[in-house]
Amino acid sequence: IMSEFANKRTRGAFIAAVFSMQGF
């Protein structure tokens, strides 16, 4: 869902931010 909503320039950062919620 995050990859399909994101723009291609910052897509990696957005998906990584979703995954970073594990740290919190």
mmCIF file of all heavy atoms, coordinates in Angstrom:
data_MODEL
# 
_entry.id   MODEL 
# 
loop_
_atom_site.group_PDB 
_atom_site.id 
_atom_site.type_symbol 
_atom_site.label_atom_id 
_atom_site.label_alt_id 
_atom_site.label_comp_id 
_atom_site.label_asym_id 
_atom_site.label_entity_id 
_atom_site.label_seq_id 
_atom_site.pdbx_PDB_ins_code 
_atom_site.Cartn_x 
_atom_site.Cartn_y 
_atom_site.Cartn_z 
_atom_site.occupancy 
_atom_site.B_iso_or_equiv 
_atom_site.pdbx_formal_charge 
_atom_site.auth_seq_id 
_atom_site.auth_comp_id 
_atom_site.auth_asym_id 
_atom_site.auth_atom_id 
_atom_site.pdbx_PDB_model_num 
ATOM 1   N N   . ILE A 1 1  ? 0.833  -1.205 0.000   1.00 0.00 ? 1  ILE A N   1 
ATOM 2   C CA  . ILE A 1 1  ? 0.000  0.000  0.000   1.00 0.00 ? 1  ILE A CA  1 
ATOM 3   C C   . ILE A 1 1  ? 0.869  1.256  0.000   1.00 0.00 ? 1  ILE A C   1 
ATOM 4   O O   . ILE A 1 1  ? 0.628  2.208  -0.746  1.00 0.00 ? 1  ILE A O   1 
ATOM 5   C CB  . ILE A 1 1  ? -0.959 -0.021 1.207   1.00 0.00 ? 1  ILE A CB  1 
ATOM 6   C CG1 . ILE A 1 1  ? -2.096 -1.015 0.946   1.00 0.00 ? 1  ILE A CG1 1 
ATOM 7   C CG2 . ILE A 1 1  ? -1.528 1.373  1.492   1.00 0.00 ? 1  ILE A CG2 1 
ATOM 8   C CD1 . ILE A 1 1  ? -3.014 -1.230 2.128   1.00 0.00 ? 1  ILE A CD1 1 
ATOM 9   N N   . MET A 1 2  ? 1.917  1.257  0.826   1.00 0.00 ? 2  MET A N   1 
ATOM 10  C CA  . MET A 1 2  ? 2.780  2.434  0.863   1.00 0.00 ? 2  MET A CA  1 
ATOM 11  C C   . MET A 1 2  ? 3.520  2.608  -0.452  1.00 0.00 ? 2  MET A C   1 
ATOM 12  O O   . MET A 1 2  ? 3.677  3.735  -0.953  1.00 0.00 ? 2  MET A O   1 
ATOM 13  C CB  . MET A 1 2  ? 3.774  2.306  2.020   1.00 0.00 ? 2  MET A CB  1 
ATOM 14  C CG  . MET A 1 2  ? 4.456  3.616  2.392   1.00 0.00 ? 2  MET A CG  1 
ATOM 15  S SD  . MET A 1 2  ? 3.333  4.814  3.139   1.00 0.00 ? 2  MET A SD  1 
ATOM 16  C CE  . MET A 1 2  ? 3.259  6.079  1.874   1.00 0.00 ? 2  MET A CE  1 
ATOM 17  N N   . SER A 1 3  ? 3.987  1.519  -1.043  1.00 0.00 ? 3  SER A N   1 
ATOM 18  C CA  . SER A 1 3  ? 4.719  1.638  -2.311  1.00 0.00 ? 3  SER A CA  1 
ATOM 19  C C   . SER A 1 3  ? 3.808  2.136  -3.424  1.00 0.00 ? 3  SER A C   1 
ATOM 20  O O   . SER A 1 3  ? 4.254  2.888  -4.306  1.00 0.00 ? 3  SER A O   1 
ATOM 21  C CB  . SER A 1 3  ? 5.324  0.286  -2.702  1.00 0.00 ? 3  SER A CB  1 
ATOM 22  O OG  . SER A 1 3  ? 4.349  -0.632 -3.144  1.00 0.00 ? 3  SER A OG  1 
ATOM 23  N N   . GLU A 1 4  ? 2.546  1.744  -3.401  1.00 0.00 ? 4  GLU A N   1 
ATOM 24  C CA  . GLU A 1 4  ? 1.630  2.128  -4.470  1.00 0.00 ? 4  GLU A CA  1 
ATOM 25  C C   . GLU A 1 4  ? 1.060  3.531  -4.293  1.00 0.00 ? 4  GLU A C   1 
ATOM 26  O O   . GLU A 1 4  ? 0.550  4.119  -5.250  1.00 0.00 ? 4  GLU A O   1 
ATOM 27  C CB  . GLU A 1 4  ? 0.508  1.093  -4.582  1.00 0.00 ? 4  GLU A CB  1 
ATOM 28  C CG  . GLU A 1 4  ? 1.032  -0.263 -5.050  1.00 0.00 ? 4  GLU A CG  1 
ATOM 29  C CD  . GLU A 1 4  ? -0.041 -1.327 -5.185  1.00 0.00 ? 4  GLU A CD  1 
ATOM 30  O OE1 . GLU A 1 4  ? -1.137 -1.148 -4.600  1.00 0.00 ? 4  GLU A OE1 1 
ATOM 31  O OE2 . GLU A 1 4  ? 0.222  -2.340 -5.850  1.00 0.00 ? 4  GLU A OE2 1 
ATOM 32  N N   . PHE A 1 5  ? 1.129  4.091  -3.098  1.00 0.00 ? 5  PHE A N   1 
ATOM 33  C CA  . PHE A 1 5  ? 0.703  5.467  -2.863  1.00 0.00 ? 5  PHE A CA  1 
ATOM 34  C C   . PHE A 1 5  ? 1.838  6.473  -3.066  1.00 0.00 ? 5  PHE A C   1 
ATOM 35  O O   . PHE A 1 5  ? 1.589  7.643  -3.353  1.00 0.00 ? 5  PHE A O   1 
ATOM 36  C CB  . PHE A 1 5  ? 0.166  5.628  -1.436  1.00 0.00 ? 5  PHE A CB  1 
ATOM 37  C CG  . PHE A 1 5  ? -1.290 5.302  -1.285  1.00 0.00 ? 5  PHE A CG  1 
ATOM 38  C CD1 . PHE A 1 5  ? -1.709 4.231  -0.524  1.00 0.00 ? 5  PHE A CD1 1 
ATOM 39  C CD2 . PHE A 1 5  ? -2.259 6.076  -1.910  1.00 0.00 ? 5  PHE A CD2 1 
ATOM 40  C CE1 . PHE A 1 5  ? -3.057 3.932  -0.382  1.00 0.00 ? 5  PHE A CE1 1 
ATOM 41  C CE2 . PHE A 1 5  ? -3.611 5.788  -1.774  1.00 0.00 ? 5  PHE A CE2 1 
ATOM 42  C CZ  . PHE A 1 5  ? -4.014 4.710  -1.006  1.00 0.00 ? 5  PHE A CZ  1 
ATOM 43  N N   . ALA A 1 6  ? 3.082  6.026  -2.903  1.00 0.00 ? 6  ALA A N   1 
ATOM 44  C CA  . ALA A 1 6  ? 4.216  6.960  -2.862  1.00 0.00 ? 6  ALA A CA  1 
ATOM 45  C C   . ALA A 1 6  ? 4.627  7.413  -4.260  1.00 0.00 ? 6  ALA A C   1 
ATOM 46  O O   . ALA A 1 6  ? 4.324  6.771  -5.262  1.00 0.00 ? 6  ALA A O   1 
ATOM 47  C CB  . ALA A 1 6  ? 5.398  6.296  -2.169  1.00 0.00 ? 6  ALA A CB  1 
ATOM 48  N N   . ASN A 1 7  ? 5.339  8.546  -4.319  1.00 0.00 ? 7  ASN A N   1 
ATOM 49  C CA  . ASN A 1 7  ? 5.955  8.945  -5.585  1.00 0.00 ? 7  ASN A CA  1 
ATOM 50  C C   . ASN A 1 7  ? 7.291  8.234  -5.729  1.00 0.00 ? 7  ASN A C   1 
ATOM 51  O O   . ASN A 1 7  ? 7.875  7.761  -4.750  1.00 0.00 ? 7  ASN A O   1 
ATOM 52  C CB  . ASN A 1 7  ? 6.121  10.463 -5.671  1.00 0.00 ? 7  ASN A CB  1 
ATOM 53  C CG  . ASN A 1 7  ? 7.092  11.005 -4.636  1.00 0.00 ? 7  ASN A CG  1 
ATOM 54  O OD1 . ASN A 1 7  ? 8.248  10.627 -4.579  1.00 0.00 ? 7  ASN A OD1 1 
ATOM 55  N ND2 . ASN A 1 7  ? 6.612  11.924 -3.793  1.00 0.00 ? 7  ASN A ND2 1 
ATOM 56  N N   . LYS A 1 8  ? 7.787  8.139  -6.948  1.00 0.00 ? 8  LYS A N   1 
ATOM 57  C CA  . LYS A 1 8  ? 8.977  7.314  -7.176  1.00 0.00 ? 8  LYS A CA  1 
ATOM 58  C C   . LYS A 1 8  ? 10.244 7.944  -6.612  1.00 0.00 ? 8  LYS A C   1 
ATOM 59  O O   . LYS A 1 8  ? 11.218 7.232  -6.352  1.00 0.00 ? 8  LYS A O   1 
ATOM 60  C CB  . LYS A 1 8  ? 9.140  7.016  -8.665  1.00 0.00 ? 8  LYS A CB  1 
ATOM 61  C CG  . LYS A 1 8  ? 9.427  8.215  -9.559  1.00 0.00 ? 8  LYS A CG  1 
ATOM 62  C CD  . LYS A 1 8  ? 9.555  7.768  -11.011 1.00 0.00 ? 8  LYS A CD  1 
ATOM 63  C CE  . LYS A 1 8  ? 9.861  8.917  -11.949 1.00 0.00 ? 8  LYS A CE  1 
ATOM 64  N NZ  . LYS A 1 8  ? 9.959  8.454  -13.358 1.00 0.00 ? 8  LYS A NZ  1 
ATOM 65  N N   . ARG A 1 9  ? 10.243 9.253  -6.403  1.00 0.00 ? 9  ARG A N   1 
ATOM 66  C CA  . ARG A 1 9  ? 11.446 9.918  -5.895  1.00 0.00 ? 9  ARG A CA  1 
ATOM 67  C C   . ARG A 1 9  ? 11.690 9.615  -4.427  1.00 0.00 ? 9  ARG A C   1 
ATOM 68  O O   . ARG A 1 9  ? 12.849 9.511  -3.990  1.00 0.00 ? 9  ARG A O   1 
ATOM 69  C CB  . ARG A 1 9  ? 11.329 11.431 -6.112  1.00 0.00 ? 9  ARG A CB  1 
ATOM 70  C CG  . ARG A 1 9  ? 12.568 12.215 -5.729  1.00 0.00 ? 9  ARG A CG  1 
ATOM 71  C CD  . ARG A 1 9  ? 12.427 13.680 -6.119  1.00 0.00 ? 9  ARG A CD  1 
ATOM 72  N NE  . ARG A 1 9  ? 11.265 14.303 -5.467  1.00 0.00 ? 9  ARG A NE  1 
ATOM 73  C CZ  . ARG A 1 9  ? 11.294 14.821 -4.243  1.00 0.00 ? 9  ARG A CZ  1 
ATOM 74  N NH1 . ARG A 1 9  ? 12.411 14.801 -3.536  1.00 0.00 ? 9  ARG A NH1 1 
ATOM 75  N NH2 . ARG A 1 9  ? 10.213 15.380 -3.731  1.00 0.00 ? 9  ARG A NH2 1 
ATOM 76  N N   . THR A 1 10 ? 10.642 9.485  -3.625  1.00 0.00 ? 10 THR A N   1 
ATOM 77  C CA  . THR A 1 10 ? 10.791 9.258  -2.180  1.00 0.00 ? 10 THR A CA  1 
ATOM 78  C C   . THR A 1 10 ? 10.123 7.963  -1.727  1.00 0.00 ? 10 THR A C   1 
ATOM 79  O O   . THR A 1 10 ? 9.894  7.773  -0.541  1.00 0.00 ? 10 THR A O   1 
ATOM 80  C CB  . THR A 1 10 ? 10.190 10.435 -1.390  1.00 0.00 ? 10 THR A CB  1 
ATOM 81  O OG1 . THR A 1 10 ? 8.795  10.582 -1.741  1.00 0.00 ? 10 THR A OG1 1 
ATOM 82  C CG2 . THR A 1 10 ? 10.911 11.734 -1.695  1.00 0.00 ? 10 THR A CG2 1 
ATOM 83  N N   . ARG A 1 11 ? 9.840  7.070  -2.663  1.00 0.00 ? 11 ARG A N   1 
ATOM 84  C CA  . ARG A 1 11 ? 9.127  5.836  -2.319  1.00 0.00 ? 11 ARG A CA  1 
ATOM 85  C C   . ARG A 1 11 ? 9.893  4.994  -1.291  1.00 0.00 ? 11 ARG A C   1 
ATOM 86  O O   . ARG A 1 11 ? 9.321  4.467  -0.335  1.00 0.00 ? 11 ARG A O   1 
ATOM 87  C CB  . ARG A 1 11 ? 8.882  5.014  -3.587  1.00 0.00 ? 11 ARG A CB  1 
ATOM 88  C CG  . ARG A 1 11 ? 8.035  3.761  -3.363  1.00 0.00 ? 11 ARG A CG  1 
ATOM 89  C CD  . ARG A 1 11 ? 7.811  3.008  -4.660  1.00 0.00 ? 11 ARG A CD  1 
ATOM 90  N NE  . ARG A 1 11 ? 9.067  2.565  -5.243  1.00 0.00 ? 11 ARG A NE  1 
ATOM 91  C CZ  . ARG A 1 11 ? 9.484  2.909  -6.471  1.00 0.00 ? 11 ARG A CZ  1 
ATOM 92  N NH1 . ARG A 1 11 ? 8.738  3.674  -7.246  1.00 0.00 ? 11 ARG A NH1 1 
ATOM 93  N NH2 . ARG A 1 11 ? 10.644 2.473  -6.934  1.00 0.00 ? 11 ARG A NH2 1 
ATOM 94  N N   . GLY A 1 12 ? 11.199 4.861  -1.480  1.00 0.00 ? 12 GLY A N   1 
ATOM 95  C CA  . GLY A 1 12 ? 11.995 4.066  -0.547  1.00 0.00 ? 12 GLY A CA  1 
ATOM 96  C C   . GLY A 1 12 ? 11.944 4.617  0.868   1.00 0.00 ? 12 GLY A C   1 
ATOM 97  O O   . GLY A 1 12 ? 11.827 3.866  1.835   1.00 0.00 ? 12 GLY A O   1 
ATOM 98  N N   . ALA A 1 13 ? 12.028 5.945  0.996   1.00 0.00 ? 13 ALA A N   1 
ATOM 99  C CA  . ALA A 1 13 ? 11.988 6.571  2.320   1.00 0.00 ? 13 ALA A CA  1 
ATOM 100 C C   . ALA A 1 13 ? 10.643 6.341  2.991   1.00 0.00 ? 13 ALA A C   1 
ATOM 101 O O   . ALA A 1 13 ? 10.576 6.095  4.203   1.00 0.00 ? 13 ALA A O   1 
ATOM 102 C CB  . ALA A 1 13 ? 12.275 8.069  2.197   1.00 0.00 ? 13 ALA A CB  1 
ATOM 103 N N   . PHE A 1 14 ? 9.560  6.405  2.214   1.00 0.00 ? 14 PHE A N   1 
ATOM 104 C CA  . PHE A 1 14 ? 8.233  6.206  2.801   1.00 0.00 ? 14 PHE A CA  1 
ATOM 105 C C   . PHE A 1 14 ? 8.040  4.769  3.291   1.00 0.00 ? 14 PHE A C   1 
ATOM 106 O O   . PHE A 1 14 ? 7.512  4.538  4.385   1.00 0.00 ? 14 PHE A O   1 
ATOM 107 C CB  . PHE A 1 14 ? 7.150  6.561  1.783   1.00 0.00 ? 14 PHE A CB  1 
ATOM 108 C CG  . PHE A 1 14 ? 6.975  8.036  1.563   1.00 0.00 ? 14 PHE A CG  1 
ATOM 109 C CD1 . PHE A 1 14 ? 6.405  8.512  0.392   1.00 0.00 ? 14 PHE A CD1 1 
ATOM 110 C CD2 . PHE A 1 14 ? 7.382  8.947  2.506   1.00 0.00 ? 14 PHE A CD2 1 
ATOM 111 C CE1 . PHE A 1 14 ? 6.240  9.874  0.184   1.00 0.00 ? 14 PHE A CE1 1 
ATOM 112 C CE2 . PHE A 1 14 ? 7.222  10.309 2.322   1.00 0.00 ? 14 PHE A CE2 1 
ATOM 113 C CZ  . PHE A 1 14 ? 6.652  10.778 1.149   1.00 0.00 ? 14 PHE A CZ  1 
ATOM 114 N N   . ILE A 1 15 ? 8.455  3.794  2.494   1.00 0.00 ? 15 ILE A N   1 
ATOM 115 C CA  . ILE A 1 15 ? 8.312  2.401  2.923   1.00 0.00 ? 15 ILE A CA  1 
ATOM 116 C C   . ILE A 1 15 ? 9.217  2.128  4.122   1.00 0.00 ? 15 ILE A C   1 
ATOM 117 O O   . ILE A 1 15 ? 8.834  1.435  5.070   1.00 0.00 ? 15 ILE A O   1 
ATOM 118 C CB  . ILE A 1 15 ? 8.623  1.426  1.773   1.00 0.00 ? 15 ILE A CB  1 
ATOM 119 C CG1 . ILE A 1 15 ? 7.799  1.743  0.539   1.00 0.00 ? 15 ILE A CG1 1 
ATOM 120 C CG2 . ILE A 1 15 ? 8.328  -0.010 2.206   1.00 0.00 ? 15 ILE A CG2 1 
ATOM 121 C CD1 . ILE A 1 15 ? 8.159  0.909  -0.678  1.00 0.00 ? 15 ILE A CD1 1 
ATOM 122 N N   . ALA A 1 16 ? 10.434 2.686  4.088   1.00 0.00 ? 16 ALA A N   1 
ATOM 123 C CA  . ALA A 1 16 ? 11.347 2.524  5.224   1.00 0.00 ? 16 ALA A CA  1 
ATOM 124 C C   . ALA A 1 16 ? 10.777 3.161  6.486   1.00 0.00 ? 16 ALA A C   1 
ATOM 125 O O   . ALA A 1 16 ? 10.941 2.638  7.595   1.00 0.00 ? 16 ALA A O   1 
ATOM 126 C CB  . ALA A 1 16 ? 12.707 3.136  4.895   1.00 0.00 ? 16 ALA A CB  1 
ATOM 127 N N   . ALA A 1 17 ? 10.090 4.304  6.334   1.00 0.00 ? 17 ALA A N   1 
ATOM 128 C CA  . ALA A 1 17 ? 9.476  4.958  7.493   1.00 0.00 ? 17 ALA A CA  1 
ATOM 129 C C   . ALA A 1 17 ? 8.379  4.086  8.091   1.00 0.00 ? 17 ALA A C   1 
ATOM 130 O O   . ALA A 1 17 ? 8.221  4.019  9.325   1.00 0.00 ? 17 ALA A O   1 
ATOM 131 C CB  . ALA A 1 17 ? 8.909  6.319  7.090   1.00 0.00 ? 17 ALA A CB  1 
ATOM 132 N N   . VAL A 1 18 ? 7.609  3.402  7.228   1.00 0.00 ? 18 VAL A N   1 
ATOM 133 C CA  . VAL A 1 18 ? 6.607  2.448  7.737   1.00 0.00 ? 18 VAL A CA  1 
ATOM 134 C C   . VAL A 1 18 ? 7.294  1.363  8.555   1.00 0.00 ? 18 VAL A C   1 
ATOM 135 O O   . VAL A 1 18 ? 6.883  1.035  9.671   1.00 0.00 ? 18 VAL A O   1 
ATOM 136 C CB  . VAL A 1 18 ? 5.815  1.824  6.566   1.00 0.00 ? 18 VAL A CB  1 
ATOM 137 C CG1 . VAL A 1 18 ? 4.971  0.641  7.048   1.00 0.00 ? 18 VAL A CG1 1 
ATOM 138 C CG2 . VAL A 1 18 ? 4.916  2.865  5.916   1.00 0.00 ? 18 VAL A CG2 1 
ATOM 139 N N   . PHE A 1 19 ? 8.370  0.821  8.009   1.00 0.00 ? 19 PHE A N   1 
ATOM 140 C CA  . PHE A 1 19 ? 9.070  -0.263 8.697   1.00 0.00 ? 19 PHE A CA  1 
ATOM 141 C C   . PHE A 1 19 ? 9.756  0.223  9.965   1.00 0.00 ? 19 PHE A C   1 
ATOM 142 O O   . PHE A 1 19 ? 9.910  -0.534 10.927  1.00 0.00 ? 19 PHE A O   1 
ATOM 143 C CB  . PHE A 1 19 ? 10.091 -0.894 7.748   1.00 0.00 ? 19 PHE A CB  1 
ATOM 144 C CG  . PHE A 1 19 ? 10.588 -2.236 8.203   1.00 0.00 ? 19 PHE A CG  1 
ATOM 145 C CD1 . PHE A 1 19 ? 9.733  -3.326 8.263   1.00 0.00 ? 19 PHE A CD1 1 
ATOM 146 C CD2 . PHE A 1 19 ? 11.912 -2.419 8.560   1.00 0.00 ? 19 PHE A CD2 1 
ATOM 147 C CE1 . PHE A 1 19 ? 10.187 -4.564 8.676   1.00 0.00 ? 19 PHE A CE1 1 
ATOM 148 C CE2 . PHE A 1 19 ? 12.383 -3.661 8.975   1.00 0.00 ? 19 PHE A CE2 1 
ATOM 149 C CZ  . PHE A 1 19 ? 11.509 -4.736 9.032   1.00 0.00 ? 19 PHE A CZ  1 
ATOM 150 N N   . SER A 1 20 ? 10.167 1.503  9.974   1.00 0.00 ? 20 SER A N   1 
ATOM 151 C CA  . SER A 1 20 ? 10.854 2.046  11.147  1.00 0.00 ? 20 SER A CA  1 
ATOM 152 C C   . SER A 1 20 ? 9.966  2.101  12.378  1.00 0.00 ? 20 SER A C   1 
ATOM 153 O O   . SER A 1 20 ? 10.463 2.252  13.496  1.00 0.00 ? 20 SER A O   1 
ATOM 154 C CB  . SER A 1 20 ? 11.384 3.450  10.841  1.00 0.00 ? 20 SER A CB  1 
ATOM 155 O OG  . SER A 1 20 ? 10.325 4.404  10.805  1.00 0.00 ? 20 SER A OG  1 
ATOM 156 N N   . MET A 1 21 ? 8.661  1.959  12.171  1.00 0.00 ? 21 MET A N   1 
ATOM 157 C CA  . MET A 1 21 ? 7.755  1.922  13.321  1.00 0.00 ? 21 MET A CA  1 
ATOM 158 C C   . MET A 1 21 ? 8.064  0.740  14.236  1.00 0.00 ? 21 MET A C   1 
ATOM 159 O O   . MET A 1 21 ? 7.688  0.736  15.410  1.00 0.00 ? 21 MET A O   1 
ATOM 160 C CB  . MET A 1 21 ? 6.305  1.861  12.846  1.00 0.00 ? 21 MET A CB  1 
ATOM 161 C CG  . MET A 1 21 ? 5.847  3.103  12.075  1.00 0.00 ? 21 MET A CG  1 
ATOM 162 S SD  . MET A 1 21 ? 5.871  4.604  13.068  1.00 0.00 ? 21 MET A SD  1 
ATOM 163 C CE  . MET A 1 21 ? 4.465  4.306  14.142  1.00 0.00 ? 21 MET A CE  1 
ATOM 164 N N   . GLN A 1 22 ? 8.757  -0.258 13.699  1.00 0.00 ? 22 GLN A N   1 
ATOM 165 C CA  . GLN A 1 22 ? 9.212  -1.361 14.549  1.00 0.00 ? 22 GLN A CA  1 
ATOM 166 C C   . GLN A 1 22 ? 10.121 -0.852 15.664  1.00 0.00 ? 22 GLN A C   1 
ATOM 167 O O   . GLN A 1 22 ? 10.033 -1.313 16.804  1.00 0.00 ? 22 GLN A O   1 
ATOM 168 C CB  . GLN A 1 22 ? 9.953  -2.405 13.719  1.00 0.00 ? 22 GLN A CB  1 
ATOM 169 C CG  . GLN A 1 22 ? 9.073  -3.362 12.954  1.00 0.00 ? 22 GLN A CG  1 
ATOM 170 C CD  . GLN A 1 22 ? 9.834  -4.577 12.468  1.00 0.00 ? 22 GLN A CD  1 
ATOM 171 O OE1 . GLN A 1 22 ? 11.045 -4.542 12.262  1.00 0.00 ? 22 GLN A OE1 1 
ATOM 172 N NE2 . GLN A 1 22 ? 9.130  -5.675 12.289  1.00 0.00 ? 22 GLN A NE2 1 
ATOM 173 N N   . GLY A 1 23 ? 10.999 0.076  15.335  1.00 0.00 ? 23 GLY A N   1 
ATOM 174 C CA  . GLY A 1 23 ? 11.902 0.606  16.341  1.00 0.00 ? 23 GLY A CA  1 
ATOM 175 C C   . GLY A 1 23 ? 11.164 1.262  17.488  1.00 0.00 ? 23 GLY A C   1 
ATOM 176 O O   . GLY A 1 23 ? 11.511 1.075  18.665  1.00 0.00 ? 23 GLY A O   1 
ATOM 177 N N   . PHE A 1 24 ? 10.127 2.029  17.155  1.00 0.00 ? 24 PHE A N   1 
ATOM 178 C CA  . PHE A 1 24 ? 9.330  2.661  18.201  1.00 0.00 ? 24 PHE A CA  1 
ATOM 179 C C   . PHE A 1 24 ? 8.494  1.629  18.957  1.00 0.00 ? 24 PHE A C   1 
ATOM 180 O O   . PHE A 1 24 ? 8.203  1.815  20.140  1.00 0.00 ? 24 PHE A O   1 
ATOM 181 C CB  . PHE A 1 24 ? 8.445  3.743  17.592  1.00 0.00 ? 24 PHE A CB  1 
ATOM 182 C CG  . PHE A 1 24 ? 9.223  4.885  17.003  1.00 0.00 ? 24 PHE A CG  1 
ATOM 183 C CD1 . PHE A 1 24 ? 9.309  5.056  15.628  1.00 0.00 ? 24 PHE A CD1 1 
ATOM 184 C CD2 . PHE A 1 24 ? 9.910  5.763  17.817  1.00 0.00 ? 24 PHE A CD2 1 
ATOM 185 C CE1 . PHE A 1 24 ? 10.044 6.095  15.077  1.00 0.00 ? 24 PHE A CE1 1 
ATOM 186 C CE2 . PHE A 1 24 ? 10.648 6.809  17.286  1.00 0.00 ? 24 PHE A CE2 1 
ATOM 187 C CZ  . PHE A 1 24 ? 10.718 6.971  15.913  1.00 0.00 ? 24 PHE A CZ  1 
# 
